[in-house]
């Protein structure tokens, strides 16, 4: 592993209404702005991470200062740990079977995300 970022960085689909709404929730919860939020469509910024575009289009990616890169459902518990007052939600992922179930649910949502929220323009 090598260090890619100085602070946790979430790369998401900026053209997806569902993804944008989810990132809006992260932004509200991240009152101290500890997490950088970058849409994968911002190619100049994401090019430095050398993550293939199909992977970025398939799932969110959380890059951590320690060099770890977590994608999809595997990023959720760490993302929750980073958010003030939400750390306890991450404990649910320690329940036996929770992580595989989360991956199935995340995959189902990811494949249908463009149909789930339409016409989102953000503020």
PDB file of N, CA and C in Angstrom:
ATOM      1  N   UNK A   1       0.836  -1.188   0.000  1.00  0.00           N
ATOM      2  CA  UNK A   1       0.000   0.000   0.000  1.00  0.00           C
ATOM      3  C   UNK A   1       0.876   1.245   0.000  1.00  0.00           C
ATOM      4  N   UNK A   2       0.421   2.246  -0.704  1.00  0.00           N
ATOM      5  CA  UNK A   2       1.128   3.515  -0.676  1.00  0.00           C
ATOM      6  C   UNK A   2       0.110   4.632  -0.470  1.00  0.00           C
ATOM      7  N   UNK A   3       0.583   5.695   0.110  1.00  0.00           N
ATOM      8  CA  UNK A   3      -0.293   6.802   0.467  1.00  0.00           C
ATOM      9  C   UNK A   3      -0.725   7.566  -0.788  1.00  0.00           C
ATOM     10  N   UNK A   4      -2.041   7.655  -0.991  1.00  0.00           N
ATOM     11  CA  UNK A   4      -2.599   8.368  -2.134  1.00  0.00           C
ATOM     12  C   UNK A   4      -3.192   9.713  -1.739  1.00  0.00           C
ATOM     13  N   UNK A   5      -3.635   9.807  -0.478  1.00  0.00           N
ATOM     14  CA  UNK A   5      -4.360  10.996  -0.032  1.00  0.00           C
ATOM     15  C   UNK A   5      -3.906  11.411   1.365  1.00  0.00           C
ATOM     16  N   UNK A   6      -4.085  12.698   1.675  1.00  0.00           N
ATOM     17  CA  UNK A   6      -3.766  13.213   3.007  1.00  0.00           C
ATOM     18  C   UNK A   6      -4.946  13.102   3.970  1.00  0.00           C
ATOM     19  N   UNK A   7      -6.145  13.012   3.413  1.00  0.00           N
ATOM     20  CA  UNK A   7      -7.340  12.835   4.233  1.00  0.00           C
ATOM     21  C   UNK A   7      -8.262  11.864   3.512  1.00  0.00           C
ATOM     22  N   UNK A   8      -9.178  11.231   4.229  1.00  0.00           N
ATOM     23  CA  UNK A   8     -10.087  10.289   3.575  1.00  0.00           C
ATOM     24  C   UNK A   8     -10.773  10.967   2.388  1.00  0.00           C
ATOM     25  N   UNK A   9     -10.859  10.229   1.284  1.00  0.00           N
ATOM     26  CA  UNK A   9     -11.421  10.761   0.044  1.00  0.00           C
ATOM     27  C   UNK A   9     -12.421   9.763  -0.514  1.00  0.00           C
ATOM     28  N   UNK A  10     -13.646  10.246  -0.728  1.00  0.00           N
ATOM     29  CA  UNK A  10     -14.703   9.410  -1.278  1.00  0.00           C
ATOM     30  C   UNK A  10     -14.913   9.789  -2.737  1.00  0.00           C
ATOM     31  N   UNK A  11     -14.748   8.804  -3.618  1.00  0.00           N
ATOM     32  CA  UNK A  11     -14.989   9.004  -5.046  1.00  0.00           C
ATOM     33  C   UNK A  11     -16.324   8.334  -5.364  1.00  0.00           C
ATOM     34  N   UNK A  12     -17.212   9.084  -5.994  1.00  0.00           N
ATOM     35  CA  UNK A  12     -18.584   8.619  -6.234  1.00  0.00           C
ATOM     36  C   UNK A  12     -19.028   9.011  -7.639  1.00  0.00           C
ATOM     37  N   UNK A  13     -20.200   8.539  -8.041  1.00  0.00           N
ATOM     38  CA  UNK A  13     -20.769   8.852  -9.356  1.00  0.00           C
ATOM     39  C   UNK A  13     -21.550  10.155  -9.263  1.00  0.00           C
ATOM     40  N   UNK A  14     -20.962  11.221  -9.777  1.00  0.00           N
ATOM     41  CA  UNK A  14     -21.586  12.529  -9.726  1.00  0.00           C
ATOM     42  C   UNK A  14     -22.744  12.705 -10.686  1.00  0.00           C
ATOM     43  N   UNK A  15     -22.952  11.745 -11.589  1.00  0.00           N
ATOM     44  CA  UNK A  15     -24.065  11.810 -12.535  1.00  0.00           C
ATOM     45  C   UNK A  15     -25.257  10.990 -12.064  1.00  0.00           C
ATOM     46  N   UNK A  16     -25.170  10.453 -10.882  1.00  0.00           N
ATOM     47  CA  UNK A  16     -26.206   9.571 -10.332  1.00  0.00           C
ATOM     48  C   UNK A  16     -26.947  10.298  -9.216  1.00  0.00           C
ATOM     49  N   UNK A  17     -28.247  10.466  -9.372  1.00  0.00           N
ATOM     50  CA  UNK A  17     -29.045  11.142  -8.351  1.00  0.00           C
ATOM     51  C   UNK A  17     -28.989  10.441  -7.008  1.00  0.00           C
ATOM     52  N   UNK A  18     -29.073   9.108  -7.013  1.00  0.00           N
ATOM     53  CA  UNK A  18     -29.009   8.350  -5.765  1.00  0.00           C
ATOM     54  C   UNK A  18     -27.673   8.597  -5.071  1.00  0.00           C
ATOM     55  N   UNK A  19     -26.595   8.574  -5.857  1.00  0.00           N
ATOM     56  CA  UNK A  19     -25.257   8.787  -5.308  1.00  0.00           C
ATOM     57  C   UNK A  19     -25.109  10.208  -4.765  1.00  0.00           C
ATOM     58  N   UNK A  20     -25.625  11.181  -5.499  1.00  0.00           N
ATOM     59  CA  UNK A  20     -25.542  12.567  -5.054  1.00  0.00           C
ATOM     60  C   UNK A  20     -26.313  12.776  -3.754  1.00  0.00           C
ATOM     61  N   UNK A  21     -27.481  12.178  -3.646  1.00  0.00           N
ATOM     62  CA  UNK A  21     -28.243  12.294  -2.395  1.00  0.00           C
ATOM     63  C   UNK A  21     -27.499  11.639  -1.242  1.00  0.00           C
ATOM     64  N   UNK A  22     -26.885  10.505  -1.508  1.00  0.00           N
ATOM     65  CA  UNK A  22     -26.105   9.832  -0.467  1.00  0.00           C
ATOM     66  C   UNK A  22     -24.920  10.690  -0.038  1.00  0.00           C
ATOM     67  N   UNK A  23     -24.249  11.308  -0.981  1.00  0.00           N
ATOM     68  CA  UNK A  23     -23.115  12.175  -0.676  1.00  0.00           C
ATOM     69  C   UNK A  23     -23.588  13.422   0.076  1.00  0.00           C
ATOM     70  N   UNK A  24     -24.786  13.909  -0.242  1.00  0.00           N
ATOM     71  CA  UNK A  24     -25.340  15.045   0.513  1.00  0.00           C
ATOM     72  C   UNK A  24     -25.501  14.691   1.987  1.00  0.00           C
ATOM     73  N   UNK A  25     -25.911  13.449   2.260  1.00  0.00           N
ATOM     74  CA  UNK A  25     -26.046  12.990   3.645  1.00  0.00           C
ATOM     75  C   UNK A  25     -24.669  12.960   4.304  1.00  0.00           C
ATOM     76  N   UNK A  26     -23.679  12.417   3.612  1.00  0.00           N
ATOM     77  CA  UNK A  26     -22.309  12.385   4.148  1.00  0.00           C
ATOM     78  C   UNK A  26     -21.838  13.806   4.429  1.00  0.00           C
ATOM     79  N   UNK A  27     -22.083  14.713   3.503  1.00  0.00           N
ATOM     80  CA  UNK A  27     -21.656  16.111   3.659  1.00  0.00           C
ATOM     81  C   UNK A  27     -22.301  16.746   4.909  1.00  0.00           C
ATOM     82  N   UNK A  28     -23.584  16.484   5.120  1.00  0.00           N
ATOM     83  CA  UNK A  28     -24.275  17.032   6.313  1.00  0.00           C
ATOM     84  C   UNK A  28     -23.716  16.441   7.597  1.00  0.00           C
ATOM     85  N   UNK A  29     -23.447  15.147   7.584  1.00  0.00           N
ATOM     86  CA  UNK A  29     -22.940  14.480   8.783  1.00  0.00           C
ATOM     87  C   UNK A  29     -21.481  14.828   9.055  1.00  0.00           C
ATOM     88  N   UNK A  30     -20.732  15.147   8.037  1.00  0.00           N
ATOM     89  CA  UNK A  30     -19.299  15.450   8.159  1.00  0.00           C
ATOM     90  C   UNK A  30     -19.109  16.945   8.435  1.00  0.00           C
ATOM     91  N   UNK A  31     -19.544  17.361   9.608  1.00  0.00           N
ATOM     92  CA  UNK A  31     -19.536  18.784   9.969  1.00  0.00           C
ATOM     93  C   UNK A  31     -18.136  19.394   9.958  1.00  0.00           C
ATOM     94  N   UNK A  32     -17.120  18.597  10.216  1.00  0.00           N
ATOM     95  CA  UNK A  32     -15.742  19.106  10.244  1.00  0.00           C
ATOM     96  C   UNK A  32     -15.046  18.958   8.893  1.00  0.00           C
ATOM     97  N   UNK A  33     -15.781  18.502   7.893  1.00  0.00           N
ATOM     98  CA  UNK A  33     -15.257  18.321   6.530  1.00  0.00           C
ATOM     99  C   UNK A  33     -13.952  17.526   6.514  1.00  0.00           C
ATOM    100  N   UNK A  34     -13.977  16.398   7.185  1.00  0.00           N
ATOM    101  CA  UNK A  34     -12.810  15.516   7.228  1.00  0.00           C
ATOM    102  C   UNK A  34     -12.653  14.682   5.964  1.00  0.00           C
ATOM    103  N   UNK A  35     -13.765  14.506   5.236  1.00  0.00           N
ATOM    104  CA  UNK A  35     -13.764  13.626   4.066  1.00  0.00           C
ATOM    105  C   UNK A  35     -13.846  14.470   2.794  1.00  0.00           C
ATOM    106  N   UNK A  36     -12.898  14.279   1.888  1.00  0.00           N
ATOM    107  CA  UNK A  36     -12.965  14.935   0.578  1.00  0.00           C
ATOM    108  C   UNK A  36     -13.942  14.142  -0.286  1.00  0.00           C
ATOM    109  N   UNK A  37     -14.780  14.840  -1.016  1.00  0.00           N
ATOM    110  CA  UNK A  37     -15.799  14.212  -1.861  1.00  0.00           C
ATOM    111  C   UNK A  37     -15.526  14.596  -3.315  1.00  0.00           C
ATOM    112  N   UNK A  38     -15.273  13.585  -4.155  1.00  0.00           N
ATOM    113  CA  UNK A  38     -14.907  13.838  -5.542  1.00  0.00           C
ATOM    114  C   UNK A  38     -15.747  12.953  -6.464  1.00  0.00           C
ATOM    115  N   UNK A  39     -16.488  13.557  -7.399  1.00  0.00           N
ATOM    116  CA  UNK A  39     -17.179  12.724  -8.388  1.00  0.00           C
ATOM    117  C   UNK A  39     -16.160  12.105  -9.342  1.00  0.00           C
ATOM    118  N   UNK A  40     -16.376  10.858  -9.740  1.00  0.00           N
ATOM    119  CA  UNK A  40     -15.384  10.221 -10.613  1.00  0.00           C
ATOM    120  C   UNK A  40     -15.329  10.882 -11.984  1.00  0.00           C
ATOM    121  N   UNK A  41     -16.330  11.698 -12.312  1.00  0.00           N
ATOM    122  CA  UNK A  41     -16.316  12.408 -13.584  1.00  0.00           C
ATOM    123  C   UNK A  41     -15.272  13.532 -13.599  1.00  0.00           C
ATOM    124  N   UNK A  42     -14.742  13.890 -12.444  1.00  0.00           N
ATOM    125  CA  UNK A  42     -13.693  14.911 -12.359  1.00  0.00           C
ATOM    126  C   UNK A  42     -12.356  14.234 -12.680  1.00  0.00           C
ATOM    127  N   UNK A  43     -12.178  13.920 -13.959  1.00  0.00           N
ATOM    128  CA  UNK A  43     -11.028  13.129 -14.397  1.00  0.00           C
ATOM    129  C   UNK A  43      -9.669  13.701 -14.000  1.00  0.00           C
ATOM    130  N   UNK A  44      -9.452  15.025 -14.064  1.00  0.00           N
ATOM    131  CA  UNK A  44      -8.126  15.517 -13.639  1.00  0.00           C
ATOM    132  C   UNK A  44      -7.798  15.161 -12.180  1.00  0.00           C
ATOM    133  N   UNK A  45      -8.799  15.189 -11.313  1.00  0.00           N
ATOM    134  CA  UNK A  45      -8.551  14.874  -9.894  1.00  0.00           C
ATOM    135  C   UNK A  45      -8.424  13.385  -9.646  1.00  0.00           C
ATOM    136  N   UNK A  46      -9.232  12.572 -10.324  1.00  0.00           N
ATOM    137  CA  UNK A  46      -9.201  11.135 -10.036  1.00  0.00           C
ATOM    138  C   UNK A  46      -8.100  10.400 -10.793  1.00  0.00           C
ATOM    139  N   UNK A  47      -7.548  11.008 -11.824  1.00  0.00           N
ATOM    140  CA  UNK A  47      -6.495  10.344 -12.606  1.00  0.00           C
ATOM    141  C   UNK A  47      -5.292   9.968 -11.742  1.00  0.00           C
ATOM    142  N   UNK A  48      -4.993  10.784 -10.759  1.00  0.00           N
ATOM    143  CA  UNK A  48      -3.832  10.534  -9.894  1.00  0.00           C
ATOM    144  C   UNK A  48      -3.980   9.248  -9.081  1.00  0.00           C
ATOM    145  N   UNK A  49      -5.203   8.760  -8.907  1.00  0.00           N
ATOM    146  CA  UNK A  49      -5.429   7.574  -8.077  1.00  0.00           C
ATOM    147  C   UNK A  49      -5.256   6.272  -8.854  1.00  0.00           C
ATOM    148  N   UNK A  50      -5.204   6.352 -10.188  1.00  0.00           N
ATOM    149  CA  UNK A  50      -4.981   5.182 -11.053  1.00  0.00           C
ATOM    150  C   UNK A  50      -5.979   4.056 -10.801  1.00  0.00           C
ATOM    151  N   UNK A  51      -7.216   4.410 -10.526  1.00  0.00           N
ATOM    152  CA  UNK A  51      -8.281   3.414 -10.392  1.00  0.00           C
ATOM    153  C   UNK A  51      -8.999   3.373 -11.736  1.00  0.00           C
ATOM    154  N   UNK A  52      -9.146   2.199 -12.339  1.00  0.00           N
ATOM    155  CA  UNK A  52      -9.778   2.123 -13.653  1.00  0.00           C
ATOM    156  C   UNK A  52     -11.205   2.700 -13.651  1.00  0.00           C
ATOM    157  N   UNK A  53     -11.538   3.389 -14.718  1.00  0.00           N
ATOM    158  CA  UNK A  53     -12.847   4.021 -14.835  1.00  0.00           C
ATOM    159  C   UNK A  53     -14.004   3.037 -14.650  1.00  0.00           C
ATOM    160  N   UNK A  54     -13.953   1.827 -15.220  1.00  0.00           N
ATOM    161  CA  UNK A  54     -15.062   0.891 -14.983  1.00  0.00           C
ATOM    162  C   UNK A  54     -15.266   0.573 -13.496  1.00  0.00           C
ATOM    163  N   UNK A  55     -14.174   0.496 -12.746  1.00  0.00           N
ATOM    164  CA  UNK A  55     -14.295   0.242 -11.300  1.00  0.00           C
ATOM    165  C   UNK A  55     -14.947   1.429 -10.599  1.00  0.00           C
ATOM    166  N   UNK A  56     -14.545   2.647 -10.992  1.00  0.00           N
ATOM    167  CA  UNK A  56     -15.136   3.843 -10.392  1.00  0.00           C
ATOM    168  C   UNK A  56     -16.618   3.956 -10.741  1.00  0.00           C
ATOM    169  N   UNK A  57     -16.977   3.570 -11.957  1.00  0.00           N
ATOM    170  CA  UNK A  57     -18.374   3.633 -12.380  1.00  0.00           C
ATOM    171  C   UNK A  57     -19.227   2.579 -11.685  1.00  0.00           C
ATOM    172  N   UNK A  58     -18.611   1.494 -11.248  1.00  0.00           N
ATOM    173  CA  UNK A  58     -19.344   0.389 -10.640  1.00  0.00           C
ATOM    174  C   UNK A  58     -19.623   0.584  -9.158  1.00  0.00           C
ATOM    175  N   UNK A  59     -18.766   1.339  -8.455  1.00  0.00           N
ATOM    176  CA  UNK A  59     -18.909   1.450  -6.998  1.00  0.00           C
ATOM    177  C   UNK A  59     -18.156   2.658  -6.476  1.00  0.00           C
ATOM    178  N   UNK A  60     -18.646   3.167  -5.348  1.00  0.00           N
ATOM    179  CA  UNK A  60     -17.904   4.241  -4.685  1.00  0.00           C
ATOM    180  C   UNK A  60     -16.586   3.674  -4.185  1.00  0.00           C
ATOM    181  N   UNK A  61     -15.601   4.551  -4.042  1.00  0.00           N
ATOM    182  CA  UNK A  61     -14.290   4.160  -3.525  1.00  0.00           C
ATOM    183  C   UNK A  61     -13.901   5.119  -2.416  1.00  0.00           C
ATOM    184  N   UNK A  62     -13.464   4.567  -1.298  1.00  0.00           N
ATOM    185  CA  UNK A  62     -12.976   5.356  -0.181  1.00  0.00           C
ATOM    186  C   UNK A  62     -11.481   5.138  -0.076  1.00  0.00           C
ATOM    187  N   UNK A  63     -10.729   6.209  -0.308  1.00  0.00           N
ATOM    188  CA  UNK A  63      -9.272   6.166  -0.213  1.00  0.00           C
ATOM    189  C   UNK A  63      -8.882   6.715   1.152  1.00  0.00           C
ATOM    190  N   UNK A  64      -8.011   6.002   1.842  1.00  0.00           N
ATOM    191  CA  UNK A  64      -7.620   6.385   3.194  1.00  0.00           C
ATOM    192  C   UNK A  64      -6.148   6.779   3.242  1.00  0.00           C
ATOM    193  N   UNK A  65      -5.805   7.684   4.153  1.00  0.00           N
ATOM    194  CA  UNK A  65      -4.404   8.137   4.257  1.00  0.00           C
ATOM    195  C   UNK A  65      -3.405   7.013   4.524  1.00  0.00           C
ATOM    196  N   UNK A  66      -3.858   5.894   5.097  1.00  0.00           N
ATOM    197  CA  UNK A  66      -2.933   4.782   5.365  1.00  0.00           C
ATOM    198  C   UNK A  66      -2.671   3.930   4.121  1.00  0.00           C
ATOM    199  N   UNK A  67      -3.287   4.315   2.972  1.00  0.00           N
ATOM    200  CA  UNK A  67      -3.058   3.609   1.722  1.00  0.00           C
ATOM    201  C   UNK A  67      -4.138   2.623   1.335  1.00  0.00           C
ATOM    202  N   UNK A  68      -5.064   2.347   2.246  1.00  0.00           N
ATOM    203  CA  UNK A  68      -6.149   1.422   1.899  1.00  0.00           C
ATOM    204  C   UNK A  68      -7.116   2.082   0.933  1.00  0.00           C
ATOM    205  N   UNK A  69      -7.675   1.256   0.038  1.00  0.00           N
ATOM    206  CA  UNK A  69      -8.726   1.693  -0.876  1.00  0.00           C
ATOM    207  C   UNK A  69      -9.859   0.686  -0.717  1.00  0.00           C
ATOM    208  N   UNK A  70     -11.001   1.164  -0.264  1.00  0.00           N
ATOM    209  CA  UNK A  70     -12.160   0.313  -0.031  1.00  0.00           C
ATOM    210  C   UNK A  70     -13.241   0.691  -1.029  1.00  0.00           C
ATOM    211  N   UNK A  71     -13.901  -0.316  -1.601  1.00  0.00           N
ATOM    212  CA  UNK A  71     -14.911  -0.057  -2.623  1.00  0.00           C
ATOM    213  C   UNK A  71     -16.261  -0.635  -2.222  1.00  0.00           C
ATOM    214  N   UNK A  72     -17.318   0.034  -2.690  1.00  0.00           N
ATOM    215  CA  UNK A  72     -18.670  -0.455  -2.491  1.00  0.00           C
ATOM    216  C   UNK A  72     -19.028  -0.624  -1.029  1.00  0.00           C
ATOM    217  N   UNK A  73     -19.698  -1.718  -0.735  1.00  0.00           N
ATOM    218  CA  UNK A  73     -20.152  -1.988   0.631  1.00  0.00           C
ATOM    219  C   UNK A  73     -18.997  -2.086   1.613  1.00  0.00           C
ATOM    220  N   UNK A  74     -17.820  -2.473   1.145  1.00  0.00           N
ATOM    221  CA  UNK A  74     -16.664  -2.588   2.035  1.00  0.00           C
ATOM    222  C   UNK A  74     -16.215  -1.217   2.550  1.00  0.00           C
ATOM    223  N   UNK A  75     -16.604  -0.144   1.849  1.00  0.00           N
ATOM    224  CA  UNK A  75     -16.251   1.211   2.277  1.00  0.00           C
ATOM    225  C   UNK A  75     -17.202   1.754   3.340  1.00  0.00           C
ATOM    226  N   UNK A  76     -18.399   1.213   3.412  1.00  0.00           N
ATOM    227  CA  UNK A  76     -19.436   1.782   4.284  1.00  0.00           C
ATOM    228  C   UNK A  76     -19.047   1.788   5.761  1.00  0.00           C
ATOM    229  N   UNK A  77     -18.596   0.672   6.353  1.00  0.00           N
ATOM    230  CA  UNK A  77     -18.260   0.721   7.780  1.00  0.00           C
ATOM    231  C   UNK A  77     -17.166   1.740   8.103  1.00  0.00           C
ATOM    232  N   UNK A  78     -16.150   1.826   7.242  1.00  0.00           N
ATOM    233  CA  UNK A  78     -15.073   2.790   7.488  1.00  0.00           C
ATOM    234  C   UNK A  78     -15.588   4.218   7.332  1.00  0.00           C
ATOM    235  N   UNK A  79     -16.448   4.432   6.369  1.00  0.00           N
ATOM    236  CA  UNK A  79     -17.050   5.748   6.172  1.00  0.00           C
ATOM    237  C   UNK A  79     -17.860   6.145   7.400  1.00  0.00           C
ATOM    238  N   UNK A  80     -18.627   5.211   7.939  1.00  0.00           N
ATOM    239  CA  UNK A  80     -19.403   5.480   9.156  1.00  0.00           C
ATOM    240  C   UNK A  80     -18.493   5.792  10.341  1.00  0.00           C
ATOM    241  N   UNK A  81     -17.371   5.076  10.452  1.00  0.00           N
ATOM    242  CA  UNK A  81     -16.421   5.335  11.546  1.00  0.00           C
ATOM    243  C   UNK A  81     -15.844   6.744  11.469  1.00  0.00           C
ATOM    244  N   UNK A  82     -15.747   7.283  10.271  1.00  0.00           N
ATOM    245  CA  UNK A  82     -15.185   8.619  10.080  1.00  0.00           C
ATOM    246  C   UNK A  82     -16.170   9.746  10.407  1.00  0.00           C
ATOM    247  N   UNK A  83     -17.449   9.422  10.455  1.00  0.00           N
ATOM    248  CA  UNK A  83     -18.474  10.446  10.646  1.00  0.00           C
ATOM    249  C   UNK A  83     -18.843  10.587  12.120  1.00  0.00           C
ATOM    250  N   UNK A  84     -18.799  11.807  12.636  1.00  0.00           N
ATOM    251  CA  UNK A  84     -19.122  12.029  14.050  1.00  0.00           C
ATOM    252  C   UNK A  84     -20.525  11.516  14.396  1.00  0.00           C
ATOM    253  N   UNK A  85     -20.608  10.755  15.468  1.00  0.00           N
ATOM    254  CA  UNK A  85     -21.882  10.241  15.949  1.00  0.00           C
ATOM    255  C   UNK A  85     -22.420   9.056  15.179  1.00  0.00           C
ATOM    256  N   UNK A  86     -21.721   8.613  14.169  1.00  0.00           N
ATOM    257  CA  UNK A  86     -22.208   7.488  13.348  1.00  0.00           C
ATOM    258  C   UNK A  86     -21.351   6.244  13.513  1.00  0.00           C
ATOM    259  N   UNK A  87     -20.311   6.341  14.311  1.00  0.00           N
ATOM    260  CA  UNK A  87     -19.379   5.210  14.471  1.00  0.00           C
ATOM    261  C   UNK A  87     -20.077   3.940  14.943  1.00  0.00           C
ATOM    262  N   UNK A  88     -21.058   4.080  15.800  1.00  0.00           N
ATOM    263  CA  UNK A  88     -21.733   2.896  16.340  1.00  0.00           C
ATOM    264  C   UNK A  88     -22.460   2.124  15.247  1.00  0.00           C
ATOM    265  N   UNK A  89     -22.898   2.786  14.156  1.00  0.00           N
ATOM    266  CA  UNK A  89     -23.558   2.085  13.048  1.00  0.00           C
ATOM    267  C   UNK A  89     -22.601   1.095  12.394  1.00  0.00           C
ATOM    268  N   UNK A  90     -21.319   1.403  12.421  1.00  0.00           N
ATOM    269  CA  UNK A  90     -20.322   0.521  11.805  1.00  0.00           C
ATOM    270  C   UNK A  90     -20.266  -0.826  12.516  1.00  0.00           C
ATOM    271  N   UNK A  91     -20.657  -0.853  13.774  1.00  0.00           N
ATOM    272  CA  UNK A  91     -20.636  -2.110  14.534  1.00  0.00           C
ATOM    273  C   UNK A  91     -21.556  -3.160  13.916  1.00  0.00           C
ATOM    274  N   UNK A  92     -22.617  -2.736  13.246  1.00  0.00           N
ATOM    275  CA  UNK A  92     -23.545  -3.678  12.614  1.00  0.00           C
ATOM    276  C   UNK A  92     -22.844  -4.551  11.582  1.00  0.00           C
ATOM    277  N   UNK A  93     -21.766  -4.040  10.991  1.00  0.00           N
ATOM    278  CA  UNK A  93     -21.045  -4.796   9.975  1.00  0.00           C
ATOM    279  C   UNK A  93     -20.192  -5.910  10.581  1.00  0.00           C
ATOM    280  N   UNK A  94     -20.091  -5.950  11.914  1.00  0.00           N
ATOM    281  CA  UNK A  94     -19.350  -7.025  12.585  1.00  0.00           C
ATOM    282  C   UNK A  94     -20.234  -8.233  12.888  1.00  0.00           C
ATOM    283  N   UNK A  95     -21.530  -8.073  12.726  1.00  0.00           N
ATOM    284  CA  UNK A  95     -22.454  -9.187  12.938  1.00  0.00           C
ATOM    285  C   UNK A  95     -22.175 -10.244  11.868  1.00  0.00           C
ATOM    286  N   UNK A  96     -22.057 -11.508  12.271  1.00  0.00           N
ATOM    287  CA  UNK A  96     -21.785 -12.548  11.274  1.00  0.00           C
ATOM    288  C   UNK A  96     -22.797 -12.507  10.124  1.00  0.00           C
ATOM    289  N   UNK A  97     -22.273 -12.504   8.912  1.00  0.00           N
ATOM    290  CA  UNK A  97     -23.114 -12.481   7.722  1.00  0.00           C
ATOM    291  C   UNK A  97     -23.482 -11.088   7.238  1.00  0.00           C
ATOM    292  N   UNK A  98     -23.219 -10.059   8.036  1.00  0.00           N
ATOM    293  CA  UNK A  98     -23.610  -8.697   7.662  1.00  0.00           C
ATOM    294  C   UNK A  98     -22.835  -8.185   6.454  1.00  0.00           C
ATOM    295  N   UNK A  99     -21.542  -8.417   6.410  1.00  0.00           N
ATOM    296  CA  UNK A  99     -20.724  -7.905   5.306  1.00  0.00           C
ATOM    297  C   UNK A  99     -21.132  -8.538   3.969  1.00  0.00           C
ATOM    298  N   UNK A 100     -21.281  -9.863   3.894  1.00  0.00           N
ATOM    299  CA  UNK A 100     -21.725 -10.439   2.610  1.00  0.00           C
ATOM    300  C   UNK A 100     -23.116  -9.942   2.203  1.00  0.00           C
ATOM    301  N   UNK A 101     -24.007  -9.794   3.169  1.00  0.00           N
ATOM    302  CA  UNK A 101     -25.343  -9.282   2.870  1.00  0.00           C
ATOM    303  C   UNK A 101     -25.259  -7.835   2.372  1.00  0.00           C
ATOM    304  N   UNK A 102     -24.418  -7.034   3.008  1.00  0.00           N
ATOM    305  CA  UNK A 102     -24.241  -5.641   2.588  1.00  0.00           C
ATOM    306  C   UNK A 102     -23.713  -5.576   1.158  1.00  0.00           C
ATOM    307  N   UNK A 103     -22.815  -6.485   0.791  1.00  0.00           N
ATOM    308  CA  UNK A 103     -22.280  -6.499  -0.574  1.00  0.00           C
ATOM    309  C   UNK A 103     -23.375  -6.823  -1.594  1.00  0.00           C
ATOM    310  N   UNK A 104     -24.257  -7.756  -1.247  1.00  0.00           N
ATOM    311  CA  UNK A 104     -25.374  -8.107  -2.137  1.00  0.00           C
ATOM    312  C   UNK A 104     -26.315  -6.916  -2.289  1.00  0.00           C
ATOM    313  N   UNK A 105     -26.678  -6.290  -1.168  1.00  0.00           N
ATOM    314  CA  UNK A 105     -27.582  -5.138  -1.211  1.00  0.00           C
ATOM    315  C   UNK A 105     -26.936  -3.984  -1.979  1.00  0.00           C
ATOM    316  N   UNK A 106     -25.658  -3.707  -1.702  1.00  0.00           N
ATOM    317  CA  UNK A 106     -24.960  -2.631  -2.404  1.00  0.00           C
ATOM    318  C   UNK A 106     -24.942  -2.912  -3.907  1.00  0.00           C
ATOM    319  N   UNK A 107     -24.644  -4.121  -4.290  1.00  0.00           N
ATOM    320  CA  UNK A 107     -24.613  -4.486  -5.713  1.00  0.00           C
ATOM    321  C   UNK A 107     -25.963  -4.302  -6.371  1.00  0.00           C
ATOM    322  N   UNK A 108     -27.032  -4.704  -5.674  1.00  0.00           N
ATOM    323  CA  UNK A 108     -28.385  -4.545  -6.217  1.00  0.00           C
ATOM    324  C   UNK A 108     -28.686  -3.065  -6.431  1.00  0.00           C
ATOM    325  N   UNK A 109     -28.382  -2.232  -5.431  1.00  0.00           N
ATOM    326  CA  UNK A 109     -28.623  -0.782  -5.544  1.00  0.00           C
ATOM    327  C   UNK A 109     -27.739  -0.185  -6.637  1.00  0.00           C
ATOM    328  N   UNK A 110     -26.472  -0.550  -6.672  1.00  0.00           N
ATOM    329  CA  UNK A 110     -25.540   0.016  -7.650  1.00  0.00           C
ATOM    330  C   UNK A 110     -25.998  -0.261  -9.084  1.00  0.00           C
ATOM    331  N   UNK A 111     -26.514  -1.460  -9.320  1.00  0.00           N
ATOM    332  CA  UNK A 111     -26.970  -1.794 -10.673  1.00  0.00           C
ATOM    333  C   UNK A 111     -28.231  -1.024 -11.054  1.00  0.00           C
ATOM    334  N   UNK A 112     -29.011  -0.569 -10.078  1.00  0.00           N
ATOM    335  CA  UNK A 112     -30.282   0.104 -10.334  1.00  0.00           C
ATOM    336  C   UNK A 112     -30.282   1.584  -9.946  1.00  0.00           C
ATOM    337  N   UNK A 113     -29.136   2.107  -9.560  1.00  0.00           N
ATOM    338  CA  UNK A 113     -29.079   3.440  -8.973  1.00  0.00           C
ATOM    339  C   UNK A 113     -29.602   4.539  -9.878  1.00  0.00           C
ATOM    340  N   UNK A 114     -29.445   4.399 -11.178  1.00  0.00           N
ATOM    341  CA  UNK A 114     -29.921   5.449 -12.079  1.00  0.00           C
ATOM    342  C   UNK A 114     -31.441   5.455 -12.196  1.00  0.00           C
ATOM    343  N   UNK A 115     -32.080   4.347 -11.821  1.00  0.00           N
ATOM    344  CA  UNK A 115     -33.540   4.279 -11.840  1.00  0.00           C
ATOM    345  C   UNK A 115     -34.157   4.674 -10.504  1.00  0.00           C
ATOM    346  N   UNK A 116     -33.371   4.682  -9.446  1.00  0.00           N
ATOM    347  CA  UNK A 116     -33.905   4.917  -8.103  1.00  0.00           C
ATOM    348  C   UNK A 116     -34.211   6.377  -7.828  1.00  0.00           C
ATOM    349  N   UNK A 117     -33.401   7.287  -8.314  1.00  0.00           N
ATOM    350  CA  UNK A 117     -33.605   8.722  -8.096  1.00  0.00           C
ATOM    351  C   UNK A 117     -33.398   9.415  -9.431  1.00  0.00           C
ATOM    352  N   UNK A 118     -34.430  10.068  -9.887  1.00  0.00           N
ATOM    353  CA  UNK A 118     -34.351  10.759 -11.186  1.00  0.00           C
ATOM    354  C   UNK A 118     -34.476  12.255 -10.971  1.00  0.00           C
ATOM    355  N   UNK A 119     -33.842  13.000 -11.841  1.00  0.00           N
ATOM    356  CA  UNK A 119     -34.026  14.452 -11.852  1.00  0.00           C
ATOM    357  C   UNK A 119     -33.447  15.192 -10.692  1.00  0.00           C
ATOM    358  N   UNK A 120     -32.473  14.609 -10.009  1.00  0.00           N
ATOM    359  CA  UNK A 120     -31.869  15.291  -8.863  1.00  0.00           C
ATOM    360  C   UNK A 120     -30.938  16.387  -9.357  1.00  0.00           C
ATOM    361  N   UNK A 121     -31.144  17.593  -8.839  1.00  0.00           N
ATOM    362  CA  UNK A 121     -30.302  18.712  -9.280  1.00  0.00           C
ATOM    363  C   UNK A 121     -29.423  19.233  -8.158  1.00  0.00           C
ATOM    364  N   UNK A 122     -29.621  18.763  -6.937  1.00  0.00           N
ATOM    365  CA  UNK A 122     -28.815  19.258  -5.809  1.00  0.00           C
ATOM    366  C   UNK A 122     -29.097  20.722  -5.535  1.00  0.00           C
ATOM    367  N   UNK A 123     -28.444  21.262  -4.526  1.00  0.00           N
ATOM    368  CA  UNK A 123     -28.656  22.680  -4.193  1.00  0.00           C
ATOM    369  C   UNK A 123     -27.492  23.511  -4.628  1.00  0.00           C
TER     370      UNK A 123
END
